[in-house]
Amino acid sequence: MRELKRLYASDQPFDPRDYDRWCLSLSDLSLLWEHRDILSDRDVTITGVLDLHYGDDRLDPQACGPAAIIVGNDEIQRVVKTLEERE
């Protein structure tokens, strides 16, 4: 939270490269992509398993850092179903 306050108070331009160390990739985005119509422009909470060594044994061109959240298909289906029920 302190970092956000510092960022907002600063007159310096935002540079996303300063925050690379905070980046987490989501593994296997295909199911999210399939449901992009219902997920677009929404804030959702998705749970998964934190893998701090995601990049050690695989090459993922979409990865933004060494860590990733491994999200199961069941979790994505749960979130999509919840959003569909709210509409």
N, C-alpha and C. Protein backbone atom coordinates (compact mmCIF):
# COMPACT_ATOMS: atom_id res chain seq x y z
N MET A 1 0.82 -1.19 0.00
CA MET A 1 0.00 0.00 0.00
C MET A 1 0.87 1.26 0.00
N ARG A 2 1.98 1.19 0.71
CA ARG A 2 2.88 2.36 0.72
C ARG A 2 3.37 2.69 -0.68
N GLU A 3 3.63 1.65 -1.46
CA GLU A 3 4.12 1.87 -2.82
C GLU A 3 3.07 2.57 -3.67
N LEU A 4 1.82 2.19 -3.53
CA LEU A 4 0.76 2.86 -4.28
C LEU A 4 0.64 4.33 -3.89
N LYS A 5 0.71 4.60 -2.61
CA LYS A 5 0.65 5.98 -2.15
C LYS A 5 1.82 6.79 -2.71
N ARG A 6 3.00 6.18 -2.69
CA ARG A 6 4.18 6.86 -3.23
C ARG A 6 4.00 7.12 -4.72
N LEU A 7 3.48 6.14 -5.44
CA LEU A 7 3.28 6.27 -6.88
C LEU A 7 2.30 7.39 -7.20
N TYR A 8 1.19 7.43 -6.49
CA TYR A 8 0.19 8.46 -6.74
C TYR A 8 0.68 9.86 -6.38
N ALA A 9 1.54 9.95 -5.38
CA ALA A 9 2.04 11.24 -4.94
C ALA A 9 3.18 11.76 -5.82
N SER A 10 3.75 10.88 -6.62
CA SER A 10 4.90 11.24 -7.43
C SER A 10 4.47 11.96 -8.71
N ASP A 11 5.33 12.84 -9.18
CA ASP A 11 5.05 13.49 -10.46
C ASP A 11 5.84 12.82 -11.59
N GLN A 12 6.48 11.70 -11.28
CA GLN A 12 7.24 10.96 -12.28
C GLN A 12 6.29 10.09 -13.12
N PRO A 13 6.58 9.90 -14.40
CA PRO A 13 5.73 9.03 -15.23
C PRO A 13 5.81 7.57 -14.77
N PHE A 14 4.73 6.86 -14.95
CA PHE A 14 4.67 5.45 -14.57
C PHE A 14 5.48 4.61 -15.54
N ASP A 15 6.34 3.77 -15.02
CA ASP A 15 7.13 2.85 -15.83
C ASP A 15 6.87 1.44 -15.33
N PRO A 16 6.12 0.62 -16.08
CA PRO A 16 5.77 -0.72 -15.60
C PRO A 16 6.98 -1.62 -15.34
N ARG A 17 8.10 -1.32 -15.98
CA ARG A 17 9.30 -2.14 -15.74
C ARG A 17 9.77 -2.08 -14.30
N ASP A 18 9.42 -0.99 -13.61
CA ASP A 18 9.79 -0.86 -12.20
C ASP A 18 9.08 -1.90 -11.33
N TYR A 19 8.04 -2.51 -11.86
CA TYR A 19 7.21 -3.42 -11.06
C TYR A 19 7.27 -4.86 -11.57
N ASP A 20 8.24 -5.18 -12.40
CA ASP A 20 8.37 -6.54 -12.93
C ASP A 20 8.47 -7.58 -11.81
N ARG A 21 9.14 -7.23 -10.73
CA ARG A 21 9.33 -8.20 -9.64
C ARG A 21 8.00 -8.55 -8.97
N TRP A 22 6.97 -7.74 -9.17
CA TRP A 22 5.66 -7.99 -8.56
C TRP A 22 4.74 -8.75 -9.50
N CYS A 23 5.20 -9.04 -10.68
CA CYS A 23 4.36 -9.65 -11.70
C CYS A 23 4.19 -11.15 -11.45
N LEU A 24 2.96 -11.61 -11.57
CA LEU A 24 2.66 -13.04 -11.51
C LEU A 24 1.97 -13.44 -12.80
N SER A 25 2.41 -14.53 -13.38
CA SER A 25 1.75 -15.06 -14.57
C SER A 25 0.62 -15.97 -14.15
N LEU A 26 -0.36 -16.09 -15.00
CA LEU A 26 -1.40 -17.11 -14.83
C LEU A 26 -1.08 -18.21 -15.82
N SER A 27 -1.02 -19.44 -15.33
CA SER A 27 -0.72 -20.53 -16.25
C SER A 27 -1.97 -20.91 -17.04
N ASP A 28 -1.77 -21.38 -18.25
CA ASP A 28 -2.81 -21.88 -19.13
C ASP A 28 -4.01 -20.93 -19.22
N LEU A 29 -3.86 -19.94 -20.05
CA LEU A 29 -4.90 -18.93 -20.20
C LEU A 29 -6.00 -19.35 -21.18
N SER A 30 -5.91 -20.53 -21.75
CA SER A 30 -6.87 -20.91 -22.79
C SER A 30 -8.32 -20.91 -22.30
N LEU A 31 -8.57 -21.41 -21.12
CA LEU A 31 -9.95 -21.44 -20.61
C LEU A 31 -10.44 -20.03 -20.28
N LEU A 32 -9.55 -19.19 -19.78
CA LEU A 32 -9.93 -17.80 -19.55
C LEU A 32 -10.28 -17.13 -20.88
N TRP A 33 -9.49 -17.42 -21.90
CA TRP A 33 -9.73 -16.85 -23.22
C TRP A 33 -11.08 -17.31 -23.78
N GLU A 34 -11.41 -18.57 -23.57
CA GLU A 34 -12.69 -19.10 -24.06
C GLU A 34 -13.87 -18.36 -23.44
N HIS A 35 -13.71 -17.87 -22.23
CA HIS A 35 -14.80 -17.20 -21.52
C HIS A 35 -14.57 -15.69 -21.41
N ARG A 36 -13.80 -15.15 -22.32
CA ARG A 36 -13.46 -13.73 -22.27
C ARG A 36 -14.68 -12.83 -22.35
N ASP A 37 -15.75 -13.30 -22.99
CA ASP A 37 -16.95 -12.46 -23.11
C ASP A 37 -17.56 -12.16 -21.74
N ILE A 38 -17.57 -13.12 -20.85
CA ILE A 38 -18.15 -12.89 -19.51
C ILE A 38 -17.13 -12.33 -18.52
N LEU A 39 -15.83 -12.56 -18.79
CA LEU A 39 -14.80 -12.09 -17.87
C LEU A 39 -14.31 -10.67 -18.18
N SER A 40 -14.56 -10.20 -19.39
CA SER A 40 -14.07 -8.88 -19.79
C SER A 40 -14.66 -7.78 -18.91
N ASP A 41 -13.81 -6.83 -18.57
CA ASP A 41 -14.20 -5.66 -17.77
C ASP A 41 -14.75 -6.02 -16.40
N ARG A 42 -14.28 -7.10 -15.83
CA ARG A 42 -14.71 -7.52 -14.49
C ARG A 42 -13.49 -7.74 -13.62
N ASP A 43 -13.68 -7.49 -12.34
CA ASP A 43 -12.68 -7.87 -11.35
C ASP A 43 -13.15 -9.18 -10.75
N VAL A 44 -12.30 -10.18 -10.79
CA VAL A 44 -12.65 -11.48 -10.23
C VAL A 44 -11.54 -11.95 -9.31
N THR A 45 -11.89 -12.81 -8.40
CA THR A 45 -10.91 -13.44 -7.52
C THR A 45 -10.79 -14.90 -7.93
N ILE A 46 -9.60 -15.27 -8.32
CA ILE A 46 -9.33 -16.64 -8.74
C ILE A 46 -8.25 -17.20 -7.83
N THR A 47 -8.50 -18.36 -7.27
CA THR A 47 -7.50 -18.98 -6.40
C THR A 47 -6.72 -20.03 -7.18
N GLY A 48 -5.53 -20.27 -6.72
CA GLY A 48 -4.68 -21.26 -7.36
C GLY A 48 -3.49 -21.57 -6.47
N VAL A 49 -2.52 -22.22 -7.04
CA VAL A 49 -1.31 -22.61 -6.33
C VAL A 49 -0.16 -21.74 -6.81
N LEU A 50 0.55 -21.14 -5.88
CA LEU A 50 1.69 -20.29 -6.22
C LEU A 50 2.89 -21.17 -6.54
N ASP A 51 3.45 -20.98 -7.72
CA ASP A 51 4.65 -21.70 -8.15
C ASP A 51 5.76 -20.67 -8.31
N LEU A 52 6.66 -20.61 -7.34
CA LEU A 52 7.73 -19.63 -7.37
C LEU A 52 8.84 -19.96 -8.37
N HIS A 53 8.80 -21.17 -8.91
CA HIS A 53 9.82 -21.60 -9.87
C HIS A 53 9.19 -21.97 -11.20
N TYR A 54 8.16 -21.24 -11.58
CA TYR A 54 7.40 -21.53 -12.79
C TYR A 54 8.28 -21.56 -14.03
N GLY A 55 9.22 -20.65 -14.12
CA GLY A 55 10.05 -20.55 -15.31
C GLY A 55 11.24 -21.49 -15.32
N ASP A 56 11.45 -22.26 -14.27
CA ASP A 56 12.63 -23.12 -14.19
C ASP A 56 12.61 -24.28 -15.17
N ASP A 57 11.45 -24.86 -15.40
CA ASP A 57 11.40 -26.08 -16.22
C ASP A 57 10.49 -25.95 -17.43
N ARG A 58 10.14 -24.74 -17.82
CA ARG A 58 9.30 -24.55 -19.00
C ARG A 58 9.58 -23.20 -19.63
N LEU A 59 9.26 -23.09 -20.89
CA LEU A 59 9.35 -21.83 -21.59
C LEU A 59 7.94 -21.36 -21.87
N ASP A 60 7.56 -20.25 -21.29
CA ASP A 60 6.24 -19.68 -21.49
C ASP A 60 6.42 -18.25 -21.99
N PRO A 61 6.23 -18.03 -23.29
CA PRO A 61 6.46 -16.70 -23.84
C PRO A 61 5.53 -15.62 -23.27
N GLN A 62 4.44 -16.04 -22.63
CA GLN A 62 3.51 -15.07 -22.04
C GLN A 62 3.86 -14.76 -20.59
N ALA A 63 4.77 -15.51 -20.01
CA ALA A 63 5.12 -15.31 -18.60
C ALA A 63 5.79 -13.95 -18.42
N CYS A 64 5.47 -13.30 -17.32
CA CYS A 64 6.04 -11.99 -17.07
C CYS A 64 7.07 -12.02 -15.94
N GLY A 65 7.32 -13.16 -15.38
CA GLY A 65 8.30 -13.26 -14.31
C GLY A 65 8.53 -14.71 -13.94
N PRO A 66 9.33 -14.97 -12.93
CA PRO A 66 9.67 -16.33 -12.56
C PRO A 66 8.57 -17.06 -11.79
N ALA A 67 7.55 -16.35 -11.32
CA ALA A 67 6.50 -16.97 -10.51
C ALA A 67 5.18 -16.96 -11.27
N ALA A 68 4.32 -17.91 -10.92
CA ALA A 68 3.01 -18.01 -11.57
C ALA A 68 1.99 -18.56 -10.59
N ILE A 69 0.75 -18.25 -10.88
CA ILE A 69 -0.37 -18.87 -10.18
C ILE A 69 -0.91 -19.96 -11.10
N ILE A 70 -0.89 -21.17 -10.60
CA ILE A 70 -1.42 -22.30 -11.36
C ILE A 70 -2.91 -22.39 -11.01
N VAL A 71 -3.74 -22.10 -11.98
CA VAL A 71 -5.18 -22.08 -11.78
C VAL A 71 -5.79 -23.29 -12.47
N GLY A 72 -6.54 -24.07 -11.70
CA GLY A 72 -7.18 -25.25 -12.27
C GLY A 72 -8.42 -24.89 -13.07
N ASN A 73 -8.75 -25.73 -14.02
CA ASN A 73 -9.94 -25.52 -14.84
C ASN A 73 -11.20 -25.48 -13.99
N ASP A 74 -11.25 -26.27 -12.92
CA ASP A 74 -12.42 -26.26 -12.03
C ASP A 74 -12.63 -24.88 -11.42
N GLU A 75 -11.55 -24.22 -11.06
CA GLU A 75 -11.65 -22.88 -10.46
C GLU A 75 -12.18 -21.88 -11.48
N ILE A 76 -11.69 -21.94 -12.69
CA ILE A 76 -12.17 -21.02 -13.72
C ILE A 76 -13.64 -21.28 -14.02
N GLN A 77 -14.02 -22.55 -14.10
CA GLN A 77 -15.43 -22.90 -14.33
C GLN A 77 -16.30 -22.35 -13.20
N ARG A 78 -15.81 -22.43 -11.96
CA ARG A 78 -16.56 -21.92 -10.81
C ARG A 78 -16.79 -20.42 -10.94
N VAL A 79 -15.74 -19.68 -11.29
CA VAL A 79 -15.85 -18.23 -11.42
C VAL A 79 -16.82 -17.87 -12.54
N VAL A 80 -16.70 -18.54 -13.67
CA VAL A 80 -17.59 -18.27 -14.80
C VAL A 80 -19.04 -18.55 -14.43
N LYS A 81 -19.27 -19.68 -13.77
CA LYS A 81 -20.64 -20.04 -13.37
C LYS A 81 -21.22 -18.99 -12.42
N THR A 82 -20.40 -18.53 -11.47
CA THR A 82 -20.85 -17.50 -10.53
C THR A 82 -21.24 -16.21 -11.27
N LEU A 83 -20.43 -15.81 -12.24
CA LEU A 83 -20.73 -14.61 -13.01
C LEU A 83 -21.99 -14.78 -13.85
N GLU A 84 -22.16 -15.96 -14.43
CA GLU A 84 -23.35 -16.22 -15.23
C GLU A 84 -24.61 -16.16 -14.38
N GLU A 85 -24.53 -16.65 -13.16
CA GLU A 85 -25.69 -16.64 -12.26
C GLU A 85 -26.05 -15.22 -11.84
N ARG A 86 -25.10 -14.33 -11.83
CA ARG A 86 -25.36 -12.94 -11.41
C ARG A 86 -26.04 -12.12 -12.50
N GLU A 87 -25.91 -12.56 -13.73
CA GLU A 87 -26.48 -11.78 -14.84
C GLU A 87 -27.97 -11.95 -14.93
